[in-house]
Amino acid sequence: MDAIPLIGLCDDDLVDEATACRLIGGSNTPIHRSTLWRGIHAGRYPKPLKIGPSSNRWRVGELKAIIDQAAADRGERAA
């Protein structure tokens, strides 16, 4: 399966685990899926939407918001 391009995603789009990891960590250095789930359990990352018995999706807008918040906590705006 081809990777979903990150450019052009709308805030209401739903993305899978691999794409969520790429959005948070970057296309070249995505976070590991274990890091994503540790962050969810710690409250750093948003919980996924359950769209099926074994299918999770994240809203792009929620993932962008945590990146923007991390940048704001550093005192700068995310690109």
N, C-alpha and C. Protein backbone atom coordinates (compact mmCIF):
# COMPACT_ATOMS: atom_id res chain seq x y z
N MET A 1 0.84 -1.18 0.00
CA MET A 1 0.00 0.00 0.00
C MET A 1 0.88 1.24 0.00
N ASP A 2 0.52 2.22 -0.83
CA ASP A 2 1.28 3.45 -0.93
C ASP A 2 0.99 4.36 0.27
N ALA A 3 1.99 5.13 0.67
CA ALA A 3 1.82 6.07 1.76
C ALA A 3 0.92 7.22 1.33
N ILE A 4 0.12 7.70 2.25
CA ILE A 4 -0.76 8.84 2.00
C ILE A 4 0.09 10.10 2.00
N PRO A 5 -0.02 10.94 0.96
CA PRO A 5 0.75 12.20 0.98
C PRO A 5 0.24 13.10 2.10
N LEU A 6 1.18 13.68 2.84
CA LEU A 6 0.81 14.51 3.97
C LEU A 6 0.33 15.89 3.54
N ILE A 7 0.82 16.35 2.39
CA ILE A 7 0.40 17.66 1.88
C ILE A 7 -1.01 17.52 1.33
N GLY A 8 -1.85 18.45 1.68
CA GLY A 8 -3.22 18.43 1.17
C GLY A 8 -4.21 17.75 2.07
N LEU A 9 -3.78 17.25 3.23
CA LEU A 9 -4.72 16.65 4.17
C LEU A 9 -5.53 17.75 4.85
N CYS A 10 -6.83 17.56 4.93
CA CYS A 10 -7.72 18.50 5.62
C CYS A 10 -7.83 18.11 7.09
N ASP A 11 -8.18 19.06 7.93
CA ASP A 11 -8.29 18.80 9.36
C ASP A 11 -9.28 17.69 9.69
N ASP A 12 -10.31 17.53 8.88
CA ASP A 12 -11.32 16.50 9.15
C ASP A 12 -10.97 15.14 8.57
N ASP A 13 -9.87 15.04 7.82
CA ASP A 13 -9.47 13.75 7.27
C ASP A 13 -9.07 12.80 8.39
N LEU A 14 -9.34 11.53 8.18
CA LEU A 14 -8.95 10.49 9.13
C LEU A 14 -7.75 9.74 8.58
N VAL A 15 -6.76 9.50 9.43
CA VAL A 15 -5.54 8.82 9.00
C VAL A 15 -5.27 7.61 9.89
N ASP A 16 -4.55 6.64 9.34
CA ASP A 16 -4.22 5.43 10.08
C ASP A 16 -3.01 5.66 10.99
N GLU A 17 -2.64 4.60 11.70
CA GLU A 17 -1.55 4.68 12.67
C GLU A 17 -0.23 5.12 12.04
N ALA A 18 0.11 4.52 10.92
CA ALA A 18 1.39 4.85 10.27
C ALA A 18 1.43 6.32 9.84
N THR A 19 0.32 6.82 9.32
CA THR A 19 0.27 8.22 8.90
C THR A 19 0.29 9.15 10.10
N ALA A 20 -0.38 8.76 11.19
CA ALA A 20 -0.33 9.56 12.42
C ALA A 20 1.11 9.68 12.91
N CYS A 21 1.85 8.59 12.86
CA CYS A 21 3.26 8.61 13.27
C CYS A 21 4.07 9.53 12.38
N ARG A 22 3.78 9.53 11.07
CA ARG A 22 4.49 10.41 10.14
C ARG A 22 4.12 11.87 10.37
N LEU A 23 2.86 12.15 10.69
CA LEU A 23 2.45 13.53 10.95
C LEU A 23 3.13 14.09 12.19
N ILE A 24 3.21 13.28 13.22
CA ILE A 24 3.80 13.75 14.48
C ILE A 24 5.32 13.88 14.36
N GLY A 25 5.97 12.87 13.80
CA GLY A 25 7.43 12.86 13.77
C GLY A 25 8.06 13.42 12.52
N GLY A 26 7.29 13.50 11.45
CA GLY A 26 7.83 13.97 10.17
C GLY A 26 7.96 12.81 9.19
N SER A 27 7.90 13.11 7.93
CA SER A 27 7.95 12.07 6.90
C SER A 27 9.26 11.31 6.90
N ASN A 28 10.36 12.00 7.16
CA ASN A 28 11.67 11.35 7.12
C ASN A 28 12.01 10.61 8.40
N THR A 29 11.45 11.05 9.51
CA THR A 29 11.75 10.44 10.81
C THR A 29 10.47 10.28 11.63
N PRO A 30 9.53 9.44 11.17
CA PRO A 30 8.29 9.27 11.93
C PRO A 30 8.56 8.66 13.29
N ILE A 31 7.67 8.96 14.24
CA ILE A 31 7.81 8.32 15.54
C ILE A 31 7.42 6.85 15.40
N HIS A 32 7.89 6.03 16.30
CA HIS A 32 7.56 4.61 16.30
C HIS A 32 6.14 4.44 16.84
N ARG A 33 5.46 3.41 16.40
CA ARG A 33 4.08 3.19 16.85
C ARG A 33 4.01 3.01 18.37
N SER A 34 5.04 2.43 18.98
CA SER A 34 5.07 2.30 20.44
C SER A 34 5.11 3.66 21.11
N THR A 35 5.84 4.59 20.52
CA THR A 35 5.92 5.95 21.05
C THR A 35 4.55 6.62 20.96
N LEU A 36 3.85 6.39 19.86
CA LEU A 36 2.49 6.94 19.71
C LEU A 36 1.59 6.44 20.83
N TRP A 37 1.58 5.14 21.06
CA TRP A 37 0.69 4.57 22.08
C TRP A 37 1.10 4.96 23.50
N ARG A 38 2.40 5.07 23.77
CA ARG A 38 2.84 5.56 25.09
C ARG A 38 2.36 6.99 25.29
N GLY A 39 2.46 7.81 24.23
CA GLY A 39 2.00 9.19 24.31
C GLY A 39 0.49 9.30 24.52
N ILE A 40 -0.26 8.39 23.91
CA ILE A 40 -1.72 8.37 24.10
C ILE A 40 -2.04 8.03 25.56
N HIS A 41 -1.38 7.00 26.08
CA HIS A 41 -1.63 6.61 27.48
C HIS A 41 -1.18 7.67 28.47
N ALA A 42 -0.18 8.46 28.11
CA ALA A 42 0.31 9.54 28.98
C ALA A 42 -0.49 10.83 28.80
N GLY A 43 -1.38 10.88 27.80
CA GLY A 43 -2.17 12.08 27.56
C GLY A 43 -1.51 13.11 26.67
N ARG A 44 -0.37 12.78 26.06
CA ARG A 44 0.33 13.72 25.17
C ARG A 44 -0.30 13.76 23.77
N TYR A 45 -0.81 12.63 23.31
CA TYR A 45 -1.39 12.52 21.98
C TYR A 45 -2.87 12.17 22.09
N PRO A 46 -3.67 12.56 21.10
CA PRO A 46 -5.10 12.27 21.16
C PRO A 46 -5.40 10.79 20.98
N LYS A 47 -6.46 10.34 21.64
CA LYS A 47 -6.90 8.96 21.47
C LYS A 47 -7.48 8.80 20.07
N PRO A 48 -7.35 7.61 19.50
CA PRO A 48 -7.91 7.39 18.16
C PRO A 48 -9.42 7.21 18.20
N LEU A 49 -10.02 7.36 17.04
CA LEU A 49 -11.43 7.02 16.86
C LEU A 49 -11.47 5.55 16.46
N LYS A 50 -12.34 4.78 17.10
CA LYS A 50 -12.51 3.37 16.74
C LYS A 50 -13.54 3.32 15.63
N ILE A 51 -13.12 2.91 14.44
CA ILE A 51 -14.07 2.84 13.33
C ILE A 51 -14.41 1.40 12.97
N GLY A 52 -13.85 0.47 13.71
CA GLY A 52 -14.13 -0.95 13.52
C GLY A 52 -13.51 -1.72 14.66
N PRO A 53 -13.72 -3.03 14.71
CA PRO A 53 -13.21 -3.81 15.84
C PRO A 53 -11.68 -3.77 15.96
N SER A 54 -10.99 -3.62 14.87
CA SER A 54 -9.52 -3.56 14.95
C SER A 54 -8.98 -2.44 14.06
N SER A 55 -9.73 -1.36 13.99
CA SER A 55 -9.34 -0.26 13.11
C SER A 55 -9.44 1.07 13.85
N ASN A 56 -8.31 1.75 13.95
CA ASN A 56 -8.22 3.06 14.60
C ASN A 56 -7.89 4.12 13.56
N ARG A 57 -8.42 5.32 13.77
CA ARG A 57 -8.09 6.46 12.91
C ARG A 57 -7.98 7.70 13.78
N TRP A 58 -7.14 8.63 13.32
CA TRP A 58 -6.96 9.91 14.01
C TRP A 58 -7.40 11.03 13.09
N ARG A 59 -7.97 12.07 13.66
CA ARG A 59 -8.30 13.27 12.90
C ARG A 59 -7.02 14.08 12.70
N VAL A 60 -6.78 14.49 11.47
CA VAL A 60 -5.58 15.26 11.15
C VAL A 60 -5.53 16.55 11.97
N GLY A 61 -6.66 17.22 12.13
CA GLY A 61 -6.70 18.47 12.90
C GLY A 61 -6.25 18.30 14.33
N GLU A 62 -6.58 17.16 14.95
CA GLU A 62 -6.15 16.91 16.33
C GLU A 62 -4.65 16.69 16.40
N LEU A 63 -4.10 16.02 15.40
CA LEU A 63 -2.65 15.79 15.37
C LEU A 63 -1.90 17.10 15.12
N LYS A 64 -2.42 17.92 14.20
CA LYS A 64 -1.79 19.23 13.95
C LYS A 64 -1.83 20.09 15.20
N ALA A 65 -2.92 19.99 15.96
CA ALA A 65 -3.07 20.80 17.18
C ALA A 65 -2.00 20.46 18.22
N ILE A 66 -1.64 19.17 18.34
CA ILE A 66 -0.61 18.84 19.34
C ILE A 66 0.76 19.34 18.89
N ILE A 67 0.99 19.35 17.59
CA ILE A 67 2.26 19.89 17.07
C ILE A 67 2.31 21.40 17.31
N ASP A 68 1.20 22.10 17.03
CA ASP A 68 1.13 23.54 17.27
C ASP A 68 1.30 23.85 18.75
N GLN A 69 0.71 23.03 19.62
CA GLN A 69 0.82 23.25 21.06
C GLN A 69 2.27 23.05 21.53
N ALA A 70 2.92 22.03 20.99
CA ALA A 70 4.33 21.79 21.35
C ALA A 70 5.20 22.97 20.94
N ALA A 71 4.92 23.52 19.76
CA ALA A 71 5.68 24.69 19.30
C ALA A 71 5.37 25.91 20.17
N ALA A 72 4.10 26.08 20.54
CA ALA A 72 3.72 27.21 21.40
C ALA A 72 4.38 27.10 22.77
N ASP A 73 4.48 25.88 23.28
CA ASP A 73 5.13 25.67 24.57
C ASP A 73 6.61 26.03 24.51
N ARG A 74 7.19 25.93 23.31
CA ARG A 74 8.60 26.34 23.11
C ARG A 74 8.71 27.83 22.84
N GLY A 75 7.59 28.46 22.53
CA GLY A 75 7.62 29.88 22.28
C GLY A 75 7.76 30.25 20.81
N GLU A 76 7.41 29.33 19.92
CA GLU A 76 7.49 29.65 18.50
C GLU A 76 6.31 28.98 17.77
N ARG A 77 6.08 29.38 16.56
CA ARG A 77 4.99 28.85 15.75
C ARG A 77 5.49 27.69 14.89
N ALA A 78 4.68 26.63 14.78
CA ALA A 78 5.04 25.50 13.92
C ALA A 78 4.93 25.90 12.47
N ALA A 79 5.78 25.31 11.64
CA ALA A 79 5.76 25.62 10.21
C ALA A 79 4.61 24.93 9.53
